[in-house]
């Protein structure tokens, strides 16, 4: 088992956990204040956080699996 790769995967999952809560919070706050001039900015930041959380989650799980099972030959 590659401990350094496992640590990187756990770090990515920690970032994912933070973004999984902050992204929807930003989106909720944006929808709550639709008349505000910064509505589209806050909504786009929230949506980007949600998308980034999904991507980080997949990459984190991939790193953890690679650390536990070992990397494939040729990749």
Protein backbone atom coordinates (compact mmCIF):
# COMPACT_ATOMS: atom_id res chain seq x y z
CA UNK A 1 0.00 0.00 0.00
CA UNK A 2 1.32 3.41 -1.01
CA UNK A 3 0.86 5.63 2.05
CA UNK A 4 1.77 8.85 0.27
CA UNK A 5 -0.86 8.25 -2.42
CA UNK A 6 -3.38 7.32 0.26
CA UNK A 7 -2.67 10.58 2.10
CA UNK A 8 -3.23 12.55 -1.13
CA UNK A 9 -6.55 10.77 -1.66
CA UNK A 10 -7.70 11.47 1.90
CA UNK A 11 -6.70 15.13 1.48
CA UNK A 12 -8.78 15.35 -1.70
CA UNK A 13 -11.73 13.78 0.11
CA UNK A 14 -11.38 16.34 2.91
CA UNK A 15 -11.54 19.15 0.35
CA UNK A 16 -14.58 17.44 -1.16
CA UNK A 17 -16.30 17.32 2.22
CA UNK A 18 -15.81 21.05 2.74
CA UNK A 19 -17.03 21.89 -0.76
CA UNK A 20 -20.05 19.60 -0.41
CA UNK A 21 -21.36 21.86 2.34
CA UNK A 22 -20.20 25.30 1.19
CA UNK A 23 -21.35 24.97 -2.44
CA UNK A 24 -25.02 24.26 -1.69
CA UNK A 25 -24.93 26.94 1.03
CA UNK A 26 -23.85 29.52 -1.54
CA UNK A 27 -26.54 28.34 -3.96
CA UNK A 28 -29.21 28.51 -1.24
CA UNK A 29 -28.15 32.02 -0.23
CA UNK A 30 -28.20 33.13 -3.86
CA UNK A 31 -31.75 31.83 -4.36
CA UNK A 32 -32.80 33.47 -1.12
CA UNK A 33 -31.62 36.88 -2.37
CA UNK A 34 -32.69 36.88 -6.03
CA UNK A 35 -33.14 40.63 -6.18
CA UNK A 36 -29.61 41.40 -5.00
CA UNK A 37 -27.16 42.78 -7.58
CA UNK A 38 -24.62 40.04 -6.79
CA UNK A 39 -27.16 37.23 -7.33
CA UNK A 40 -25.57 35.77 -10.47
CA UNK A 41 -22.06 36.04 -9.08
CA UNK A 42 -22.90 34.19 -5.85
CA UNK A 43 -24.95 31.60 -7.76
CA UNK A 44 -22.14 30.91 -10.21
CA UNK A 45 -19.59 30.59 -7.39
CA UNK A 46 -21.88 28.12 -5.61
CA UNK A 47 -22.43 26.05 -8.74
CA UNK A 48 -18.69 25.98 -9.47
CA UNK A 49 -18.05 24.78 -5.92
CA UNK A 50 -20.60 21.98 -6.37
CA UNK A 51 -19.06 20.89 -9.68
CA UNK A 52 -15.55 21.05 -8.20
CA UNK A 53 -16.72 18.94 -5.23
CA UNK A 54 -17.94 16.21 -7.58
CA UNK A 55 -14.69 16.23 -9.55
CA UNK A 56 -12.55 16.21 -6.39
CA UNK A 57 -14.64 13.35 -5.00
CA UNK A 58 -14.02 11.16 -8.03
CA UNK A 59 -10.30 11.97 -8.06
CA UNK A 60 -10.00 11.34 -4.33
CA UNK A 61 -11.71 7.95 -4.55
CA UNK A 62 -9.50 7.03 -7.52
CA UNK A 63 -6.35 7.91 -5.58
CA UNK A 64 -7.48 5.93 -2.55
CA UNK A 65 -8.29 2.89 -4.67
CA UNK A 66 -4.95 3.18 -6.49
CA UNK A 67 -3.16 3.42 -3.13
CA UNK A 68 -4.87 0.33 -1.74
CA UNK A 69 -4.89 -1.89 -4.83
CA UNK A 70 -1.82 -0.55 -6.58
CA UNK A 71 -1.59 1.30 -9.88
CA UNK A 72 -2.24 -0.50 -13.17
CA UNK A 73 0.69 -1.15 -15.46
CA UNK A 74 0.89 1.43 -18.26
CA UNK A 75 -1.07 4.22 -16.57
